[in-house]
C-alpha atoms as a PDB file:
ATOM      1  CA  MET A   1       0.000   0.000   0.000  1.00  0.00           C
ATOM      2  CA  ASN A   2       2.928   2.354   0.746  1.00  0.00           C
ATOM      3  CA  TYR A   3       4.191   1.984  -2.814  1.00  0.00           C
ATOM      4  CA  LEU A   4       0.762   2.782  -4.228  1.00  0.00           C
ATOM      5  CA  LEU A   5       0.356   5.905  -2.094  1.00  0.00           C
ATOM      6  CA  ALA A   6       3.857   7.110  -3.001  1.00  0.00           C
ATOM      7  CA  PHE A   7       3.115   6.524  -6.686  1.00  0.00           C
ATOM      8  CA  VAL A   8      -0.211   8.346  -6.508  1.00  0.00           C
ATOM      9  CA  PHE A   9       1.225  11.445  -4.824  1.00  0.00           C
ATOM     10  CA  GLY A  10       4.298  11.574  -7.050  1.00  0.00           C
ATOM     11  CA  GLY A  11       2.057  11.144 -10.093  1.00  0.00           C
ATOM     12  CA  PHE A  12      -0.225  13.896  -8.837  1.00  0.00           C
ATOM     13  CA  LEU A  13       2.719  16.293  -8.660  1.00  0.00           C
ATOM     14  CA  CYS A  14       3.711  15.299 -12.197  1.00  0.00           C
ATOM     15  CA  VAL A  15       0.176  15.882 -13.477  1.00  0.00           C
ATOM     16  CA  ILE A  16       0.140  19.369 -11.960  1.00  0.00           C
ATOM     17  CA  ALA A  17       3.496  20.175 -13.560  1.00  0.00           C
ATOM     18  CA  GLN A  18       2.351  18.880 -16.939  1.00  0.00           C
ATOM     19  CA  LEU A  19      -0.836  20.947 -16.770  1.00  0.00           C
ATOM     20  CA  LEU A  20       1.228  24.025 -15.929  1.00  0.00           C
ATOM     21  CA  ILE A  21       3.466  23.356 -18.929  1.00  0.00           C
ATOM     22  CA  ASP A  22       0.508  22.762 -21.261  1.00  0.00           C
ATOM     23  CA  PHE A  23      -1.791  25.576 -20.185  1.00  0.00           C
ATOM     24  CA  THR A  24       0.493  28.364 -18.988  1.00  0.00           C
ATOM     25  CA  LYS A  25       3.537  30.138 -20.299  1.00  0.00           C
ATOM     26  CA  LEU A  26       5.628  28.973 -17.339  1.00  0.00           C
ATOM     27  CA  THR A  27       8.936  27.434 -18.295  1.00  0.00           C
ATOM     28  CA  PRO A  28       9.941  24.086 -16.798  1.00  0.00           C
ATOM     29  CA  ALA A  29      12.662  25.835 -14.781  1.00  0.00           C
ATOM     30  CA  ARG A  30      10.114  28.156 -13.169  1.00  0.00           C
ATOM     31  CA  ILE A  31       7.852  25.220 -12.370  1.00  0.00           C
ATOM     32  CA  LEU A  32      10.739  23.366 -10.718  1.00  0.00           C
ATOM     33  CA  VAL A  33      11.610  26.395  -8.609  1.00  0.00           C
ATOM     34  CA  SER A  34       7.933  26.818  -7.726  1.00  0.00           C
ATOM     35  CA  TYR A  35       7.837  23.231  -6.467  1.00  0.00           C
ATOM     36  CA  VAL A  36      10.837  23.802  -4.194  1.00  0.00           C
ATOM     37  CA  VAL A  37       9.330  27.041  -2.871  1.00  0.00           C
ATOM     38  CA  ALA A  38       5.962  25.328  -2.343  1.00  0.00           C
ATOM     39  CA  GLY A  39       7.713  22.629  -0.303  1.00  0.00           C
ATOM     40  CA  VAL A  40       9.387  25.288   1.846  1.00  0.00           C
ATOM     41  CA  ILE A  41       6.158  27.217   2.399  1.00  0.00           C
ATOM     42  CA  LEU A  42       4.118  24.106   3.194  1.00  0.00           C
ATOM     43  CA  THR A  43       6.777  22.997   5.679  1.00  0.00           C
ATOM     44  CA  PHE A  44       6.839  26.345   7.472  1.00  0.00           C
ATOM     45  CA  LEU A  45       3.041  26.243   7.682  1.00  0.00           C
ATOM     46  CA  GLY A  46       3.221  22.724   9.133  1.00  0.00           C
ATOM     47  CA  LEU A  47       1.257  21.234   6.234  1.00  0.00           C
ATOM     48  CA  TYR A  48       3.960  19.160   4.557  1.00  0.00           C
ATOM     49  CA  GLN A  49       4.804  16.726   7.378  1.00  0.00           C
ATOM     50  CA  PRO A  50       1.334  15.111   7.282  1.00  0.00           C
ATOM     51  CA  LEU A  51       1.894  14.530   3.544  1.00  0.00           C
ATOM     52  CA  VAL A  52       5.269  12.922   4.280  1.00  0.00           C
ATOM     53  CA  ASP A  53       3.688  10.738   6.956  1.00  0.00           C
ATOM     54  CA  LEU A  54       0.950   9.578   4.582  1.00  0.00           C
ATOM     55  CA  PHE A  55       2.750   9.327   1.241  1.00  0.00           C
ATOM     56  CA  GLY A  56       6.330   8.597   2.333  1.00  0.00           C
ATOM     57  CA  ALA A  57       8.803   8.667  -0.561  1.00  0.00           C
ATOM     58  CA  GLY A  58       6.108  10.070  -2.855  1.00  0.00           C
ATOM     59  CA  ALA A  59       6.379  13.293  -0.850  1.00  0.00           C
ATOM     60  CA  THR A  60      10.082  13.295   0.058  1.00  0.00           C
ATOM     61  CA  VAL A  61      11.677  12.427  -3.298  1.00  0.00           C
ATOM     62  CA  PRO A  62      10.183  15.128  -5.597  1.00  0.00           C
ATOM     63  CA  LEU A  63      11.327  18.751  -5.535  1.00  0.00           C
ATOM     64  CA  THR A  64       8.723  19.631  -2.940  1.00  0.00           C
ATOM     65  CA  GLY A  65      10.553  17.187  -0.683  1.00  0.00           C
ATOM     66  CA  PHE A  66      13.807  19.068  -1.334  1.00  0.00           C
ATOM     67  CA  GLY A  67      12.061  22.255  -0.217  1.00  0.00           C
ATOM     68  CA  ASN A  68      10.828  20.390   2.844  1.00  0.00           C
ATOM     69  CA  ALA A  69      14.371  19.266   3.693  1.00  0.00           C
ATOM     70  CA  LEU A  70      15.709  22.810   3.213  1.00  0.00           C
ATOM     71  CA  ALA A  71      13.041  24.285   5.460  1.00  0.00           C
ATOM     72  CA  LYS A  72      13.574  21.679   8.178  1.00  0.00           C
ATOM     73  CA  GLY A  73      17.307  22.325   8.044  1.00  0.00           C
ATOM     74  CA  VAL A  74      16.814  26.070   8.339  1.00  0.00           C
ATOM     75  CA  MET A  75      14.466  25.671  11.298  1.00  0.00           C
ATOM     76  CA  LYS A  76      16.946  23.344  13.032  1.00  0.00           C
ATOM     77  CA  GLY A  77      19.858  25.667  12.205  1.00  0.00           C
ATOM     78  CA  ILE A  78      18.042  28.678  13.630  1.00  0.00           C
ATOM     79  CA  SER A  79      17.260  26.827  16.855  1.00  0.00           C
ATOM     80  CA  GLU A  80      20.916  25.766  17.231  1.00  0.00           C
ATOM     81  CA  LYS A  81      22.893  28.736  15.846  1.00  0.00           C
ATOM     82  CA  GLY A  82      20.503  31.646  15.725  1.00  0.00           C
ATOM     83  CA  PHE A  83      20.491  33.833  12.623  1.00  0.00           C
ATOM     84  CA  LEU A  84      23.538  32.080  11.144  1.00  0.00           C
ATOM     85  CA  GLY A  85      21.404  28.941  10.964  1.00  0.00           C
ATOM     86  CA  VAL A  86      19.381  30.517   8.163  1.00  0.00           C
ATOM     87  CA  ILE A  87      22.264  29.852   5.784  1.00  0.00           C
ATOM     88  CA  SER A  88      24.051  26.913   7.347  1.00  0.00           C
ATOM     89  CA  GLY A  89      20.961  24.908   8.319  1.00  0.00           C
ATOM     90  CA  GLY A  90      19.583  24.376   4.833  1.00  0.00           C
ATOM     91  CA  MET A  91      22.982  23.620   3.368  1.00  0.00           C
ATOM     92  CA  THR A  92      23.771  21.126   6.118  1.00  0.00           C
ATOM     93  CA  ALA A  93      20.450  19.338   5.732  1.00  0.00           C
ATOM     94  CA  CYS A  94      20.787  18.989   1.960  1.00  0.00           C
ATOM     95  CA  ALA A  95      24.561  18.615   1.666  1.00  0.00           C
ATOM     96  CA  ALA A  96      24.453  14.960   0.624  1.00  0.00           C
ATOM     97  CA  GLY A  97      21.909  15.570  -2.137  1.00  0.00           C
ATOM     98  CA  ILE A  98      23.673  18.668  -3.429  1.00  0.00           C
ATOM     99  CA  SER A  99      27.049  16.902  -3.368  1.00  0.00           C
ATOM    100  CA  ALA A 100      25.628  13.903  -5.228  1.00  0.00           C
ATOM    101  CA  ALA A 101      24.107  16.168  -7.892  1.00  0.00           C
ATOM    102  CA  ILE A 102      27.427  17.945  -8.419  1.00  0.00           C
ATOM    103  CA  PHE A 103      29.418  14.699  -8.442  1.00  0.00           C
ATOM    104  CA  PHE A 104      27.166  12.861 -10.894  1.00  0.00           C
ATOM    105  CA  GLY A 105      26.875  15.965 -13.062  1.00  0.00           C
ATOM    106  CA  LEU A 106      30.652  16.016 -13.318  1.00  0.00           C
ATOM    107  CA  ILE A 107      30.859  12.294 -14.076  1.00  0.00           C
ATOM    108  CA  PHE A 108      28.230  12.460 -16.818  1.00  0.00           C
ATOM    109  CA  SER A 109      29.782  15.580 -18.324  1.00  0.00           C
ATOM    110  CA  LEU A 110      33.053  13.666 -18.639  1.00  0.00           C
ATOM    111  CA  ILE A 111      31.372  10.593 -20.166  1.00  0.00           C
ATOM    112  CA  PHE A 112      29.048  12.315 -22.619  1.00  0.00           C
ATOM    113  CA  SER A 113      29.609  15.305 -24.862  1.00  0.00           C
ATOM    114  CA  PRO A 114      26.744  17.546 -25.974  1.00  0.00           C
ATOM    115  CA  LYS A 115      26.010  17.822 -29.664  1.00  0.00           C
ATOM    116  CA  GLU A 116      24.887  21.014 -31.298  1.00  0.00           C
ATOM    117  CA  LYS A 117      21.551  20.933 -33.092  1.00  0.00           C
END
Protein backbone atom coordinates (compact mmCIF):
# COMPACT_ATOMS: atom_id res chain seq x y z
CA MET A 1 0.00 0.00 0.00
CA ASN A 2 2.93 2.35 0.75
CA TYR A 3 4.19 1.98 -2.81
CA LEU A 4 0.76 2.78 -4.23
CA LEU A 5 0.36 5.91 -2.09
CA ALA A 6 3.86 7.11 -3.00
CA PHE A 7 3.12 6.52 -6.69
CA VAL A 8 -0.21 8.35 -6.51
CA PHE A 9 1.22 11.44 -4.82
CA GLY A 10 4.30 11.57 -7.05
CA GLY A 11 2.06 11.14 -10.09
CA PHE A 12 -0.22 13.90 -8.84
CA LEU A 13 2.72 16.29 -8.66
CA CYS A 14 3.71 15.30 -12.20
CA VAL A 15 0.18 15.88 -13.48
CA ILE A 16 0.14 19.37 -11.96
CA ALA A 17 3.50 20.17 -13.56
CA GLN A 18 2.35 18.88 -16.94
CA LEU A 19 -0.84 20.95 -16.77
CA LEU A 20 1.23 24.02 -15.93
CA ILE A 21 3.47 23.36 -18.93
CA ASP A 22 0.51 22.76 -21.26
CA PHE A 23 -1.79 25.58 -20.19
CA THR A 24 0.49 28.36 -18.99
CA LYS A 25 3.54 30.14 -20.30
CA LEU A 26 5.63 28.97 -17.34
CA THR A 27 8.94 27.43 -18.30
CA PRO A 28 9.94 24.09 -16.80
CA ALA A 29 12.66 25.83 -14.78
CA ARG A 30 10.11 28.16 -13.17
CA ILE A 31 7.85 25.22 -12.37
CA LEU A 32 10.74 23.37 -10.72
CA VAL A 33 11.61 26.39 -8.61
CA SER A 34 7.93 26.82 -7.73
CA TYR A 35 7.84 23.23 -6.47
CA VAL A 36 10.84 23.80 -4.19
CA VAL A 37 9.33 27.04 -2.87
CA ALA A 38 5.96 25.33 -2.34
CA GLY A 39 7.71 22.63 -0.30
CA VAL A 40 9.39 25.29 1.85
CA ILE A 41 6.16 27.22 2.40
CA LEU A 42 4.12 24.11 3.19
CA THR A 43 6.78 23.00 5.68
CA PHE A 44 6.84 26.34 7.47
CA LEU A 45 3.04 26.24 7.68
CA GLY A 46 3.22 22.72 9.13
CA LEU A 47 1.26 21.23 6.23
CA TYR A 48 3.96 19.16 4.56
CA GLN A 49 4.80 16.73 7.38
CA PRO A 50 1.33 15.11 7.28
CA LEU A 51 1.89 14.53 3.54
CA VAL A 52 5.27 12.92 4.28
CA ASP A 53 3.69 10.74 6.96
CA LEU A 54 0.95 9.58 4.58
CA PHE A 55 2.75 9.33 1.24
CA GLY A 56 6.33 8.60 2.33
CA ALA A 57 8.80 8.67 -0.56
CA GLY A 58 6.11 10.07 -2.86
CA ALA A 59 6.38 13.29 -0.85
CA THR A 60 10.08 13.30 0.06
CA VAL A 61 11.68 12.43 -3.30
CA PRO A 62 10.18 15.13 -5.60
CA LEU A 63 11.33 18.75 -5.53
CA THR A 64 8.72 19.63 -2.94
CA GLY A 65 10.55 17.19 -0.68
CA PHE A 66 13.81 19.07 -1.33
CA GLY A 67 12.06 22.26 -0.22
CA ASN A 68 10.83 20.39 2.84
CA ALA A 69 14.37 19.27 3.69
CA LEU A 70 15.71 22.81 3.21
CA ALA A 71 13.04 24.29 5.46
CA LYS A 72 13.57 21.68 8.18
CA GLY A 73 17.31 22.32 8.04
CA VAL A 74 16.81 26.07 8.34
CA MET A 75 14.47 25.67 11.30
CA LYS A 76 16.95 23.34 13.03
CA GLY A 77 19.86 25.67 12.21
CA ILE A 78 18.04 28.68 13.63
CA SER A 79 17.26 26.83 16.85
CA GLU A 80 20.92 25.77 17.23
CA LYS A 81 22.89 28.74 15.85
CA GLY A 82 20.50 31.65 15.73
CA PHE A 83 20.49 33.83 12.62
CA LEU A 84 23.54 32.08 11.14
CA GLY A 85 21.40 28.94 10.96
CA VAL A 86 19.38 30.52 8.16
CA ILE A 87 22.26 29.85 5.78
CA SER A 88 24.05 26.91 7.35
CA GLY A 89 20.96 24.91 8.32
CA GLY A 90 19.58 24.38 4.83
CA MET A 91 22.98 23.62 3.37
CA THR A 92 23.77 21.13 6.12
CA ALA A 93 20.45 19.34 5.73
CA CYS A 94 20.79 18.99 1.96
CA ALA A 95 24.56 18.61 1.67
CA ALA A 96 24.45 14.96 0.62
CA GLY A 97 21.91 15.57 -2.14
CA ILE A 98 23.67 18.67 -3.43
CA SER A 99 27.05 16.90 -3.37
CA ALA A 100 25.63 13.90 -5.23
CA ALA A 101 24.11 16.17 -7.89
CA ILE A 102 27.43 17.94 -8.42
CA PHE A 103 29.42 14.70 -8.44
CA PHE A 104 27.17 12.86 -10.89
CA GLY A 105 26.87 15.96 -13.06
CA LEU A 106 30.65 16.02 -13.32
CA ILE A 107 30.86 12.29 -14.08
CA PHE A 108 28.23 12.46 -16.82
CA SER A 109 29.78 15.58 -18.32
CA LEU A 110 33.05 13.67 -18.64
CA ILE A 111 31.37 10.59 -20.17
CA PHE A 112 29.05 12.31 -22.62
CA SER A 113 29.61 15.30 -24.86
CA PRO A 114 26.74 17.55 -25.97
CA LYS A 115 26.01 17.82 -29.66
CA GLU A 116 24.89 21.01 -31.30
CA LYS A 117 21.55 20.93 -33.09
